[in-house]
Amino acid sequence: MVKVYALSTCPWCKKVKRYLEDHQVQYNCVDVDLAQGEEQKVALEEVEKLTGRRSFPVTVIGDTVIQGYKEDEIERALKSEV
């Protein structure tokens, strides 16, 4: 399963989502800035645990965590998950 932590206004986050959609990859997305209360707190804690900071986008593919929009890393991680 692919999970994306994003901000709704972030252009790099939009690129990650568009890339996954263009390649027909199913994914779950948490737009952290649109989350409320406890949901937002949990999402921020997950991002910090995965990356050590609050930086977006964060794409999780299996055991691979990718910070930012790195098309080649996303592609490689998707291929290794198949």
N, C-alpha and C. Protein backbone atom coordinates (compact mmCIF):
# COMPACT_ATOMS: atom_id res chain seq x y z
N MET A 1 0.84 -1.19 0.00
CA MET A 1 0.00 0.00 0.00
C MET A 1 0.88 1.25 0.00
N VAL A 2 0.44 2.24 -0.71
CA VAL A 2 1.16 3.50 -0.82
C VAL A 2 0.40 4.55 0.00
N LYS A 3 1.16 5.31 0.78
CA LYS A 3 0.56 6.37 1.58
C LYS A 3 1.33 7.66 1.34
N VAL A 4 0.59 8.75 1.19
CA VAL A 4 1.19 10.05 0.95
C VAL A 4 0.73 11.01 2.05
N TYR A 5 1.70 11.66 2.67
CA TYR A 5 1.41 12.74 3.60
C TYR A 5 1.70 14.03 2.84
N ALA A 6 0.70 14.91 2.77
CA ALA A 6 0.82 16.08 1.92
C ALA A 6 0.20 17.31 2.58
N LEU A 7 0.44 18.44 1.94
CA LEU A 7 -0.27 19.67 2.26
C LEU A 7 -1.09 20.03 1.03
N SER A 8 -2.32 20.45 1.22
CA SER A 8 -3.22 20.68 0.09
C SER A 8 -2.73 21.78 -0.85
N THR A 9 -1.91 22.69 -0.35
CA THR A 9 -1.45 23.82 -1.16
C THR A 9 -0.05 23.63 -1.73
N CYS A 10 0.59 22.51 -1.43
CA CYS A 10 1.99 22.28 -1.80
C CYS A 10 2.09 21.79 -3.26
N PRO A 11 2.83 22.52 -4.12
CA PRO A 11 2.95 22.08 -5.52
C PRO A 11 3.68 20.75 -5.67
N TRP A 12 4.67 20.46 -4.81
CA TRP A 12 5.39 19.18 -4.89
C TRP A 12 4.49 18.03 -4.47
N CYS A 13 3.63 18.29 -3.50
CA CYS A 13 2.67 17.26 -3.07
C CYS A 13 1.72 16.93 -4.21
N LYS A 14 1.27 17.96 -4.92
CA LYS A 14 0.38 17.75 -6.06
C LYS A 14 1.06 16.94 -7.15
N LYS A 15 2.37 17.15 -7.34
CA LYS A 15 3.12 16.38 -8.35
C LYS A 15 3.18 14.90 -7.98
N VAL A 16 3.39 14.62 -6.70
CA VAL A 16 3.42 13.21 -6.26
C VAL A 16 2.06 12.57 -6.53
N LYS A 17 0.98 13.23 -6.15
CA LYS A 17 -0.36 12.67 -6.36
C LYS A 17 -0.62 12.47 -7.86
N ARG A 18 -0.25 13.46 -8.67
CA ARG A 18 -0.47 13.36 -10.12
C ARG A 18 0.33 12.19 -10.70
N TYR A 19 1.58 12.04 -10.25
CA TYR A 19 2.41 10.94 -10.74
C TYR A 19 1.75 9.60 -10.42
N LEU A 20 1.30 9.42 -9.19
CA LEU A 20 0.67 8.16 -8.80
C LEU A 20 -0.61 7.92 -9.59
N GLU A 21 -1.42 8.97 -9.77
CA GLU A 21 -2.66 8.83 -10.53
C GLU A 21 -2.38 8.51 -11.99
N ASP A 22 -1.38 9.18 -12.58
CA ASP A 22 -1.02 8.93 -13.98
C ASP A 22 -0.55 7.50 -14.20
N HIS A 23 0.02 6.89 -13.16
CA HIS A 23 0.51 5.52 -13.24
C HIS A 23 -0.47 4.52 -12.61
N GLN A 24 -1.69 4.98 -12.39
CA GLN A 24 -2.78 4.15 -11.86
C GLN A 24 -2.39 3.38 -10.60
N VAL A 25 -1.71 4.10 -9.69
CA VAL A 25 -1.31 3.52 -8.41
C VAL A 25 -2.34 3.94 -7.37
N GLN A 26 -2.93 2.96 -6.70
CA GLN A 26 -3.85 3.29 -5.62
C GLN A 26 -3.05 3.74 -4.41
N TYR A 27 -3.51 4.79 -3.76
CA TYR A 27 -2.80 5.30 -2.59
C TYR A 27 -3.77 5.96 -1.63
N ASN A 28 -3.35 6.04 -0.39
CA ASN A 28 -4.08 6.80 0.62
C ASN A 28 -3.34 8.09 0.82
N CYS A 29 -4.07 9.18 0.95
CA CYS A 29 -3.44 10.48 1.13
C CYS A 29 -4.01 11.16 2.36
N VAL A 30 -3.12 11.72 3.16
CA VAL A 30 -3.52 12.56 4.28
C VAL A 30 -3.06 13.97 3.97
N ASP A 31 -4.02 14.87 3.72
CA ASP A 31 -3.68 16.29 3.58
C ASP A 31 -3.63 16.84 4.99
N VAL A 32 -2.43 16.91 5.53
CA VAL A 32 -2.23 17.21 6.94
C VAL A 32 -2.81 18.57 7.31
N ASP A 33 -2.70 19.55 6.42
CA ASP A 33 -3.22 20.88 6.74
C ASP A 33 -4.74 20.92 6.79
N LEU A 34 -5.41 19.95 6.19
CA LEU A 34 -6.87 19.91 6.21
C LEU A 34 -7.41 19.03 7.34
N ALA A 35 -6.54 18.24 7.93
CA ALA A 35 -6.95 17.37 9.04
C ALA A 35 -7.26 18.24 10.26
N GLN A 36 -8.09 17.71 11.13
CA GLN A 36 -8.51 18.46 12.32
C GLN A 36 -8.05 17.76 13.58
N GLY A 37 -7.75 18.53 14.59
CA GLY A 37 -7.52 18.03 15.94
C GLY A 37 -6.58 16.84 16.04
N GLU A 38 -7.10 15.76 16.61
CA GLU A 38 -6.30 14.56 16.88
C GLU A 38 -5.77 13.93 15.60
N GLU A 39 -6.58 13.94 14.53
CA GLU A 39 -6.13 13.37 13.25
C GLU A 39 -4.89 14.10 12.74
N GLN A 40 -4.89 15.43 12.84
CA GLN A 40 -3.73 16.21 12.40
C GLN A 40 -2.52 15.93 13.29
N LYS A 41 -2.75 15.88 14.59
CA LYS A 41 -1.66 15.62 15.54
C LYS A 41 -1.01 14.28 15.24
N VAL A 42 -1.81 13.25 15.03
CA VAL A 42 -1.30 11.90 14.73
C VAL A 42 -0.52 11.91 13.42
N ALA A 43 -1.06 12.56 12.39
CA ALA A 43 -0.39 12.61 11.09
C ALA A 43 0.97 13.30 11.21
N LEU A 44 1.04 14.41 11.93
CA LEU A 44 2.31 15.12 12.11
C LEU A 44 3.31 14.25 12.88
N GLU A 45 2.84 13.53 13.88
CA GLU A 45 3.72 12.63 14.63
C GLU A 45 4.26 11.52 13.74
N GLU A 46 3.39 10.98 12.86
CA GLU A 46 3.83 9.93 11.93
C GLU A 46 4.90 10.46 10.98
N VAL A 47 4.70 11.65 10.46
CA VAL A 47 5.67 12.25 9.54
C VAL A 47 7.00 12.45 10.25
N GLU A 48 6.96 12.98 11.47
CA GLU A 48 8.20 13.19 12.23
C GLU A 48 8.90 11.88 12.54
N LYS A 49 8.13 10.84 12.85
CA LYS A 49 8.73 9.54 13.14
C LYS A 49 9.39 8.96 11.88
N LEU A 50 8.77 9.16 10.73
CA LEU A 50 9.31 8.63 9.48
C LEU A 50 10.53 9.39 8.98
N THR A 51 10.53 10.71 9.18
CA THR A 51 11.56 11.55 8.54
C THR A 51 12.42 12.35 9.50
N GLY A 52 11.99 12.49 10.73
CA GLY A 52 12.73 13.31 11.68
C GLY A 52 12.40 14.79 11.62
N ARG A 53 11.47 15.15 10.76
CA ARG A 53 11.06 16.56 10.66
C ARG A 53 9.67 16.67 10.04
N ARG A 54 9.18 17.88 9.95
CA ARG A 54 7.87 18.13 9.35
C ARG A 54 8.07 18.76 7.98
N SER A 55 8.27 17.92 7.00
CA SER A 55 8.53 18.36 5.65
C SER A 55 7.66 17.53 4.71
N PHE A 56 7.12 18.16 3.69
CA PHE A 56 6.17 17.49 2.80
C PHE A 56 6.58 17.68 1.35
N PRO A 57 6.17 16.74 0.50
CA PRO A 57 5.42 15.52 0.74
C PRO A 57 6.30 14.39 1.29
N VAL A 58 5.64 13.43 1.90
CA VAL A 58 6.28 12.19 2.33
C VAL A 58 5.48 11.06 1.71
N THR A 59 6.17 10.22 0.94
CA THR A 59 5.52 9.08 0.28
C THR A 59 6.09 7.81 0.89
N VAL A 60 5.19 6.94 1.34
CA VAL A 60 5.60 5.67 1.94
C VAL A 60 5.13 4.56 1.01
N ILE A 61 6.11 3.79 0.51
CA ILE A 61 5.82 2.66 -0.38
C ILE A 61 6.48 1.45 0.24
N GLY A 62 5.69 0.57 0.84
CA GLY A 62 6.26 -0.56 1.56
C GLY A 62 7.11 -0.06 2.70
N ASP A 63 8.40 -0.43 2.70
CA ASP A 63 9.34 0.02 3.73
C ASP A 63 10.12 1.25 3.31
N THR A 64 9.84 1.77 2.12
CA THR A 64 10.59 2.90 1.58
C THR A 64 9.87 4.21 1.90
N VAL A 65 10.62 5.15 2.46
CA VAL A 65 10.10 6.48 2.77
C VAL A 65 10.81 7.49 1.88
N ILE A 66 10.04 8.25 1.11
CA ILE A 66 10.60 9.22 0.18
C ILE A 66 10.12 10.61 0.57
N GLN A 67 11.08 11.48 0.84
CA GLN A 67 10.77 12.87 1.18
C GLN A 67 10.89 13.71 -0.06
N GLY A 68 9.89 14.53 -0.32
CA GLY A 68 9.92 15.40 -1.49
C GLY A 68 9.41 14.67 -2.73
N TYR A 69 9.49 15.36 -3.86
CA TYR A 69 9.07 14.77 -5.13
C TYR A 69 10.30 14.25 -5.84
N LYS A 70 10.49 12.94 -5.77
CA LYS A 70 11.65 12.29 -6.41
C LYS A 70 11.11 11.15 -7.27
N GLU A 71 10.79 11.51 -8.49
CA GLU A 71 10.12 10.59 -9.41
C GLU A 71 10.88 9.27 -9.56
N ASP A 72 12.20 9.34 -9.69
CA ASP A 72 12.98 8.11 -9.89
C ASP A 72 12.92 7.21 -8.66
N GLU A 73 12.93 7.79 -7.46
CA GLU A 73 12.84 6.97 -6.25
C GLU A 73 11.44 6.37 -6.10
N ILE A 74 10.42 7.13 -6.45
CA ILE A 74 9.05 6.61 -6.40
C ILE A 74 8.91 5.44 -7.36
N GLU A 75 9.40 5.62 -8.57
CA GLU A 75 9.32 4.56 -9.59
C GLU A 75 10.04 3.30 -9.13
N ARG A 76 11.25 3.46 -8.59
CA ARG A 76 12.03 2.31 -8.11
C ARG A 76 11.29 1.58 -6.98
N ALA A 77 10.75 2.34 -6.03
CA ALA A 77 10.05 1.74 -4.90
C ALA A 77 8.79 1.01 -5.37
N LEU A 78 8.08 1.57 -6.33
CA LEU A 78 6.88 0.91 -6.85
C LEU A 78 7.23 -0.40 -7.54
N LYS A 79 8.32 -0.40 -8.30
CA LYS A 79 8.75 -1.62 -9.00
C LYS A 79 9.13 -2.72 -8.01
N SER A 80 9.76 -2.35 -6.91
CA SER A 80 10.18 -3.35 -5.93
C SER A 80 9.00 -3.88 -5.13
N GLU A 81 7.88 -3.18 -5.15
CA GLU A 81 6.68 -3.62 -4.41
C GLU A 81 5.84 -4.60 -5.23
N VAL A 82 6.05 -4.64 -6.53
CA VAL A 82 5.22 -5.49 -7.40
C VAL A 82 5.57 -6.95 -7.25
